[in-house]
Amino acid sequence: MKRKIRILSIDGGGIRGIIPGMILVSLEKKLQEKTGNPNARIPDFFDFVAGTSTGGILGCALFYPESAGGTKARYQAMDAVNLYLKNGSMIFKRTFWHNVKSLWGILSYKFPTTNLEKALEQYLGEERLSSLLKPSAISSYYIADAQPFFFKQHLAKKDMDYDYLIKDVARGTSAAPTYFESADVKSLANNTYTLIDGGVYVNNPALCAYAETRTMTFEQLCPEVGDELKAKRPTADDMVIFSLGTASSAQKYSYKEIKNWGIVSWIKPLIGVMMSGVSQNVDYQLREIFKTTPTPHHYLRIEPNIYSANPAMDDGSPGNLQKLKEAGEKNAQVYDRELDRMADLLIENNGK
């Protein structure tokens, strides 16, 4: 069997990142059971990771090395979810004084960044992007130059100007406008970039992952492959893509509801519509691409259901955190058959 390049992609969506996180908890358990290895981790079965905003944070945590230069993951999937469950209430907490200074988020960003940065420091410490376990495309947006910006582990390994502290990667990808202050992120070559959340243009980074891996060789993505594949650049037929959404926040409206809306009425729903629309468009494009291959089922997109949880990106209340966790568990049950097939596919391609 020809070796496939296995890609994990996780959307943005704020605190709703708990949902894809719990789906990955279920997938990791299946991988452990099927391989008979209780120490198996998500990065052991993927060759590339892409993430936007909360998906970027999850990617950084899941693929974070056990030690500098190590080849094993420090965290289990549940550990990555606990970053949200244990810190979500504090990350999305506003003090009275911050409310006054920001006029309740009208004049300035909605949440202080202190608690977010403390959580990222606790989980992601001082390791560098170049130490991330697999090649990556973690999205952000370089607002000072008005262009997309990606954190790429495979470039960071070659050039210090592409290398950053992983905690700064997570901060840069999740600097959501109006929610958090923009991030001034410094590379290890001491060049500074002013970044905002990658969700402003690519909330679903799966197509970016596909495009990036098309520029790489099999050897760059999985060095253990045989000589006949080392120099080959993978096509869709050479890939397995697992794409995870965070439950769409877009709401449905009737003509009567929206016909007289102006700027103020459109601001909040338009954000959800745009983020959801971009994700759906990426899904459509990848489905069409994979239809041209003998293995269209090697692309799997899960857009989970929010169930009874609040779809707001910033509801970190204890009750909503629990509902998001339960939604993730329920989605894992609903998609159990698909996750089972994905686990088998990942294991089949774990080697040369």
Protein backbone atom coordinates (compact mmCIF):
# COMPACT_ATOMS: atom_id res chain seq x y z
CA MET A 1 0.00 0.00 0.00
CA LYS A 2 1.22 3.47 -0.90
CA ARG A 3 1.98 5.66 2.13
CA LYS A 4 -0.43 8.58 2.62
CA ILE A 5 0.32 11.99 4.12
CA ARG A 6 -2.00 12.45 7.11
CA ILE A 7 -3.21 15.99 7.82
CA LEU A 8 -5.07 17.30 10.88
CA SER A 9 -6.88 20.63 10.52
CA ILE A 10 -8.83 22.42 13.29
CA ASP A 11 -11.05 25.49 12.80
CA GLY A 12 -11.26 28.63 14.89
CA GLY A 13 -14.16 29.26 17.24
CA GLY A 14 -13.04 30.54 20.63
CA ILE A 15 -14.14 28.53 23.65
CA ARG A 16 -16.00 26.18 21.30
CA GLY A 17 -12.59 24.59 20.68
CA ILE A 18 -13.60 22.26 23.52
CA ILE A 19 -15.85 20.41 21.07
CA PRO A 20 -13.22 19.34 18.48
CA GLY A 21 -10.89 18.75 21.41
CA MET A 22 -13.27 16.15 22.85
CA ILE A 23 -13.65 14.53 19.42
CA LEU A 24 -9.88 14.16 19.33
CA VAL A 25 -9.99 12.65 22.83
CA SER A 26 -12.26 9.96 21.40
CA LEU A 27 -10.01 9.44 18.36
CA GLU A 28 -6.93 9.14 20.57
CA LYS A 29 -8.62 6.47 22.70
CA LYS A 30 -9.46 4.50 19.55
CA LEU A 31 -5.84 4.75 18.37
CA GLN A 32 -4.62 3.50 21.76
CA GLU A 33 -7.06 0.58 21.77
CA LYS A 34 -6.43 -0.46 18.17
CA THR A 35 -2.64 -0.34 18.52
CA GLY A 36 -2.56 -1.77 22.03
CA ASN A 37 -0.42 1.20 23.05
CA PRO A 38 -1.84 3.23 25.97
CA ASN A 39 0.86 5.84 25.40
CA ALA A 40 -0.15 6.56 21.79
CA ARG A 41 -0.78 10.24 21.10
CA ILE A 42 -2.47 12.19 18.29
CA PRO A 43 0.86 13.43 16.78
CA ASP A 44 2.05 9.84 16.37
CA PHE A 45 -0.53 9.40 13.59
CA PHE A 46 -0.40 12.70 11.72
CA ASP A 47 2.30 14.19 9.48
CA PHE A 48 1.04 17.79 9.38
CA VAL A 49 -1.10 20.03 11.56
CA ALA A 50 -3.04 23.17 10.62
CA GLY A 51 -5.01 25.37 12.99
CA THR A 52 -6.70 28.73 13.21
CA SER A 53 -7.24 30.61 16.47
CA THR A 54 -8.55 28.08 19.02
CA GLY A 55 -7.61 25.37 16.51
CA GLY A 56 -4.09 26.79 16.46
CA ILE A 57 -3.91 26.64 20.25
CA LEU A 58 -5.11 23.02 20.22
CA GLY A 59 -2.56 22.17 17.51
CA CYS A 60 0.26 23.75 19.52
CA ALA A 61 -0.73 21.85 22.67
CA LEU A 62 -1.30 18.50 20.98
CA PHE A 63 1.99 18.62 19.06
CA TYR A 64 4.02 20.15 21.91
CA PRO A 65 7.18 18.09 22.62
CA GLU A 66 7.75 16.30 25.89
CA SER A 67 11.19 17.93 26.05
CA ALA A 68 13.40 20.14 23.92
CA GLY A 69 14.25 18.24 20.77
CA GLY A 70 12.04 15.35 21.87
CA THR A 71 9.95 13.21 19.53
CA LYS A 72 7.11 12.39 21.92
CA ALA A 73 4.10 14.54 22.83
CA ARG A 74 3.90 16.05 26.29
CA TYR A 75 0.11 16.11 26.39
CA GLN A 76 -2.71 13.69 25.82
CA ALA A 77 -5.72 15.07 23.96
CA MET A 78 -7.62 15.48 27.25
CA ASP A 79 -4.76 17.58 28.63
CA ALA A 80 -5.18 19.96 25.70
CA VAL A 81 -8.93 20.24 26.36
CA ASN A 82 -8.19 20.94 30.03
CA LEU A 83 -6.41 24.12 28.97
CA TYR A 84 -9.94 25.39 28.21
CA LEU A 85 -11.87 23.62 30.97
CA LYS A 86 -9.50 24.81 33.70
CA ASN A 87 -8.79 28.30 32.36
CA GLY A 88 -11.76 29.24 30.16
CA SER A 89 -13.66 31.04 32.91
CA MET A 90 -10.64 33.21 33.71
CA ILE A 91 -9.62 33.82 30.07
CA PHE A 92 -13.07 35.17 29.24
CA LYS A 93 -13.50 37.20 32.42
CA ARG A 94 -13.78 40.97 32.53
CA THR A 95 -13.03 43.01 35.61
CA PHE A 96 -15.18 46.00 36.44
CA TRP A 97 -12.19 48.30 35.88
CA HIS A 98 -11.54 46.83 32.42
CA ASN A 99 -15.22 47.28 31.56
CA VAL A 100 -15.01 50.93 32.55
CA LYS A 101 -11.78 51.56 30.59
CA SER A 102 -13.08 49.81 27.48
CA LEU A 103 -16.65 51.09 27.88
CA TRP A 104 -17.78 47.48 28.01
CA GLY A 105 -15.80 46.55 24.89
CA ILE A 106 -16.89 49.48 22.73
CA LEU A 107 -13.74 51.59 22.95
CA SER A 108 -11.20 48.81 23.42
CA TYR A 109 -10.79 45.03 23.36
CA LYS A 110 -13.32 43.05 25.39
CA PHE A 111 -11.05 40.92 27.59
CA PRO A 112 -7.69 41.55 29.30
CA THR A 113 -5.01 39.32 27.78
CA THR A 114 -3.32 38.57 31.12
CA ASN A 115 -5.18 35.33 31.88
CA LEU A 116 -4.89 34.03 28.32
CA GLU A 117 -1.14 34.63 28.36
CA LYS A 118 -0.79 32.96 31.78
CA ALA A 119 -2.57 29.84 30.49
CA LEU A 120 -0.40 29.72 27.35
CA GLU A 121 2.72 30.17 29.48
CA GLN A 122 1.66 27.33 31.77
CA TYR A 123 0.96 24.87 28.95
CA LEU A 124 3.38 25.95 26.25
CA GLY A 125 6.34 27.23 28.27
CA GLU A 126 9.55 28.13 26.48
CA GLU A 127 9.71 25.60 23.64
CA ARG A 128 10.20 26.85 20.10
CA LEU A 129 8.06 26.38 17.02
CA SER A 130 10.97 24.50 15.45
CA SER A 131 10.50 21.89 18.22
CA LEU A 132 6.86 21.25 17.35
CA LEU A 133 6.54 17.54 16.61
CA LYS A 134 5.34 17.88 13.00
CA PRO A 135 5.29 20.42 10.13
CA SER A 136 2.58 23.01 10.56
CA ALA A 137 0.53 25.88 9.17
CA ILE A 138 -0.86 27.85 12.11
CA SER A 139 -2.65 30.88 10.69
CA SER A 140 -2.55 34.51 11.74
CA TYR A 141 -2.87 37.85 9.94
CA TYR A 142 -0.04 40.40 9.69
CA ILE A 143 -2.11 43.55 10.08
CA ALA A 144 0.83 45.96 9.65
CA ASP A 145 1.45 44.55 6.17
CA ALA A 146 -2.17 43.55 5.41
CA GLN A 147 -1.39 39.96 4.45
CA PRO A 148 -1.87 36.36 5.64
CA PHE A 149 0.75 35.01 8.00
CA PHE A 150 1.52 31.37 8.81
CA PHE A 151 3.64 29.82 11.53
CA LYS A 152 5.45 26.93 9.81
CA GLN A 153 7.50 24.47 11.83
CA HIS A 154 9.27 23.17 8.72
CA LEU A 155 10.56 26.68 7.89
CA ALA A 156 11.38 27.44 11.54
CA LYS A 157 13.77 24.48 11.57
CA LYS A 158 15.79 26.16 8.81
CA ASP A 159 15.63 29.89 9.60
CA MET A 160 15.40 31.71 12.96
CA ASP A 161 13.26 34.45 11.44
CA TYR A 162 10.53 31.82 11.01
CA ASP A 163 11.00 30.52 14.54
CA TYR A 164 9.03 31.70 17.57
CA LEU A 165 8.19 30.58 21.06
CA ILE A 166 5.20 28.24 20.77
CA LYS A 167 3.29 30.26 23.38
CA ASP A 168 3.68 33.31 21.09
CA VAL A 169 2.43 31.30 18.11
CA ALA A 170 -0.68 30.47 20.14
CA ARG A 171 -1.09 34.10 21.16
CA GLY A 172 -0.68 35.35 17.58
CA THR A 173 -3.19 32.95 16.04
CA SER A 174 -5.85 33.74 18.67
CA ALA A 175 -5.66 37.56 18.87
CA ALA A 176 -9.31 37.93 17.88
CA PRO A 177 -10.24 41.54 17.04
CA THR A 178 -12.60 43.14 19.62
CA TYR A 179 -12.02 40.18 21.98
CA PHE A 180 -8.29 40.47 22.68
CA GLU A 181 -5.51 42.95 22.13
CA SER A 182 -3.51 42.44 18.93
CA ALA A 183 -0.26 40.53 19.44
CA ASP A 184 3.25 41.89 18.89
CA VAL A 185 5.09 38.63 18.24
CA LYS A 186 8.88 38.56 18.02
CA SER A 187 10.77 35.94 16.04
CA LEU A 188 13.95 34.43 17.41
CA ALA A 189 15.79 36.63 14.91
CA ASN A 190 14.29 39.60 16.82
CA ASN A 191 11.90 40.71 14.08
CA THR A 192 8.49 41.80 15.40
CA TYR A 193 5.15 41.24 13.68
CA THR A 194 1.82 42.76 14.71
CA LEU A 195 -0.70 39.95 14.35
CA ILE A 196 -4.41 39.32 14.71
CA ASP A 197 -6.51 36.16 14.66
CA GLY A 198 -6.22 34.08 11.49
CA GLY A 199 -9.99 33.61 11.56
CA VAL A 200 -10.42 36.98 9.84
CA TYR A 201 -9.62 35.27 6.53
CA VAL A 202 -9.22 31.49 7.00
CA ASN A 203 -11.32 30.12 9.83
CA ASN A 204 -11.09 26.66 8.27
CA PRO A 205 -7.39 26.12 7.41
CA ALA A 206 -7.78 22.69 5.75
CA LEU A 207 -7.30 24.00 2.20
CA CYS A 208 -4.22 25.94 3.34
CA ALA A 209 -2.85 22.68 4.74
CA TYR A 210 -3.53 20.94 1.44
CA ALA A 211 -1.79 23.74 -0.50
CA GLU A 212 1.20 23.79 1.85
CA THR A 213 1.79 20.05 1.75
CA ARG A 214 1.57 20.13 -2.06
CA THR A 215 4.75 22.27 -2.01
CA MET A 216 6.62 19.80 0.21
CA THR A 217 8.15 16.40 -0.43
CA PHE A 218 7.30 13.09 1.20
CA GLU A 219 10.70 13.17 2.88
CA GLN A 220 9.96 16.54 4.51
CA LEU A 221 6.61 15.29 5.78
CA CYS A 222 7.55 11.76 6.81
CA PRO A 223 11.32 11.16 6.67
CA GLU A 224 10.93 7.40 7.17
CA VAL A 225 9.46 6.77 3.69
CA GLY A 226 11.32 4.64 1.19
CA ASP A 227 13.65 6.07 -1.43
CA GLU A 228 11.06 5.80 -4.20
CA LEU A 229 8.84 8.40 -2.44
CA LYS A 230 11.35 10.76 -0.82
CA ALA A 231 11.45 13.37 -3.62
CA LYS A 232 7.78 13.08 -4.58
CA ARG A 233 5.39 15.95 -3.85
CA PRO A 234 2.04 14.62 -2.60
CA THR A 235 -1.20 15.14 -4.51
CA ALA A 236 -4.72 14.75 -3.14
CA ASP A 237 -4.47 11.04 -3.96
CA ASP A 238 -1.53 10.85 -1.55
CA MET A 239 -3.34 12.48 1.39
CA VAL A 240 -5.69 11.79 4.26
CA ILE A 241 -7.27 14.97 5.63
CA PHE A 242 -9.19 15.08 8.90
CA SER A 243 -10.86 18.49 9.25
CA LEU A 244 -12.64 19.51 12.45
CA GLY A 245 -15.08 22.38 12.84
CA THR A 246 -16.08 24.03 16.10
CA ALA A 247 -19.89 24.13 15.59
CA SER A 248 -21.06 27.02 13.42
CA SER A 249 -22.16 30.20 15.17
CA ALA A 250 -24.13 31.41 12.15
CA GLN A 251 -27.85 31.79 12.77
CA LYS A 252 -30.69 31.49 10.30
CA TYR A 253 -32.90 34.48 9.54
CA SER A 254 -36.02 35.09 7.51
CA TYR A 255 -36.44 37.83 4.95
CA LYS A 256 -38.80 39.70 7.28
CA GLU A 257 -36.20 39.68 10.05
CA ILE A 258 -33.30 41.11 8.04
CA LYS A 259 -34.91 43.27 5.33
CA ASN A 260 -34.56 46.51 7.30
CA TRP A 261 -31.24 45.83 9.01
CA GLY A 262 -28.53 48.46 8.94
CA ILE A 263 -24.91 48.52 10.07
CA VAL A 264 -25.61 48.08 13.78
CA SER A 265 -27.99 45.15 13.27
CA TRP A 266 -25.67 43.35 10.86
CA ILE A 267 -22.41 43.60 12.84
CA LYS A 268 -22.81 40.59 15.14
CA PRO A 269 -24.64 38.12 12.80
CA LEU A 270 -22.37 39.00 9.88
CA ILE A 271 -19.28 37.74 11.74
CA GLY A 272 -20.92 34.35 12.23
CA VAL A 273 -22.12 34.22 8.62
CA MET A 274 -18.67 35.07 7.25
CA MET A 275 -16.80 32.58 9.46
CA SER A 276 -19.29 29.82 8.72
CA GLY A 277 -19.39 30.63 5.01
CA VAL A 278 -15.60 30.52 4.67
CA SER A 279 -15.46 27.15 6.45
CA GLN A 280 -18.24 25.70 4.29
CA ASN A 281 -16.57 26.95 1.12
CA VAL A 282 -13.28 25.28 2.04
CA ASP A 283 -15.17 22.07 2.74
CA TYR A 284 -16.87 22.26 -0.66
CA GLN A 285 -13.56 22.84 -2.47
CA LEU A 286 -11.82 19.93 -0.76
CA ARG A 287 -14.75 17.58 -1.37
CA GLU A 288 -14.59 18.45 -5.07
CA ILE A 289 -10.82 17.95 -5.13
CA PHE A 290 -11.07 14.54 -3.46
CA LYS A 291 -13.85 13.46 -5.82
CA THR A 292 -11.17 13.41 -8.52
CA THR A 293 -9.23 10.73 -6.60
CA PRO A 294 -9.91 7.00 -6.21
CA THR A 295 -10.30 7.60 -2.46
CA PRO A 296 -12.76 10.49 -1.81
CA HIS A 297 -13.37 9.10 1.69
CA HIS A 298 -9.79 10.02 2.61
CA TYR A 299 -11.14 13.51 3.24
CA LEU A 300 -13.31 13.67 6.37
CA ARG A 301 -14.90 16.86 7.62
CA ILE A 302 -16.80 16.92 10.90
CA GLU A 303 -18.88 20.03 11.56
CA PRO A 304 -20.19 19.26 15.03
CA ASN A 305 -23.52 20.14 16.61
CA ILE A 306 -23.55 22.69 19.42
CA TYR A 307 -26.54 21.00 21.16
CA SER A 308 -27.52 22.94 24.31
CA ALA A 309 -24.27 24.90 24.69
CA ASN A 310 -24.10 28.63 24.03
CA PRO A 311 -22.53 29.16 20.56
CA ALA A 312 -20.87 32.42 21.63
CA MET A 313 -17.09 32.26 21.24
CA ASP A 314 -16.53 33.88 24.63
CA ASP A 315 -18.96 32.20 27.03
CA GLY A 316 -16.50 30.73 29.52
CA SER A 317 -19.02 30.31 32.32
CA PRO A 318 -18.61 27.01 34.23
CA GLY A 319 -22.03 25.84 33.09
CA ASN A 320 -21.26 26.46 29.42
CA LEU A 321 -17.84 24.82 29.68
CA GLN A 322 -19.56 21.66 30.90
CA LYS A 323 -22.17 21.86 28.13
CA LEU A 324 -19.42 22.25 25.51
CA LYS A 325 -17.60 19.23 26.92
CA GLU A 326 -20.83 17.21 26.79
CA ALA A 327 -21.48 18.43 23.22
CA GLY A 328 -18.02 17.20 22.23
CA GLU A 329 -18.66 13.80 23.80
CA LYS A 330 -22.04 13.52 22.09
CA ASN A 331 -20.59 14.46 18.72
CA ALA A 332 -17.92 11.80 19.18
CA GLN A 333 -20.70 9.26 19.73
CA VAL A 334 -22.66 10.46 16.69
CA TYR A 335 -19.55 10.23 14.49
CA ASP A 336 -18.24 7.07 16.12
CA ARG A 337 -18.26 5.07 12.88
CA GLU A 338 -16.40 7.80 10.97
CA LEU A 339 -13.84 8.14 13.76
CA ASP A 340 -13.37 4.38 13.77
CA ARG A 341 -12.63 4.39 10.03
CA MET A 342 -10.32 7.38 10.40
CA ALA A 343 -8.39 5.61 13.18
CA ASP A 344 -7.91 2.58 10.94
CA LEU A 345 -6.76 4.77 8.06
CA LEU A 346 -4.27 6.63 10.26
CA ILE A 347 -2.84 3.39 11.63
CA GLU A 348 -2.55 1.83 8.17
CA ASN A 349 -0.36 4.74 7.12
CA ASN A 350 1.80 4.85 10.22
CA GLY A 351 5.14 3.90 8.78
CA LYS A 352 6.85 3.61 5.41
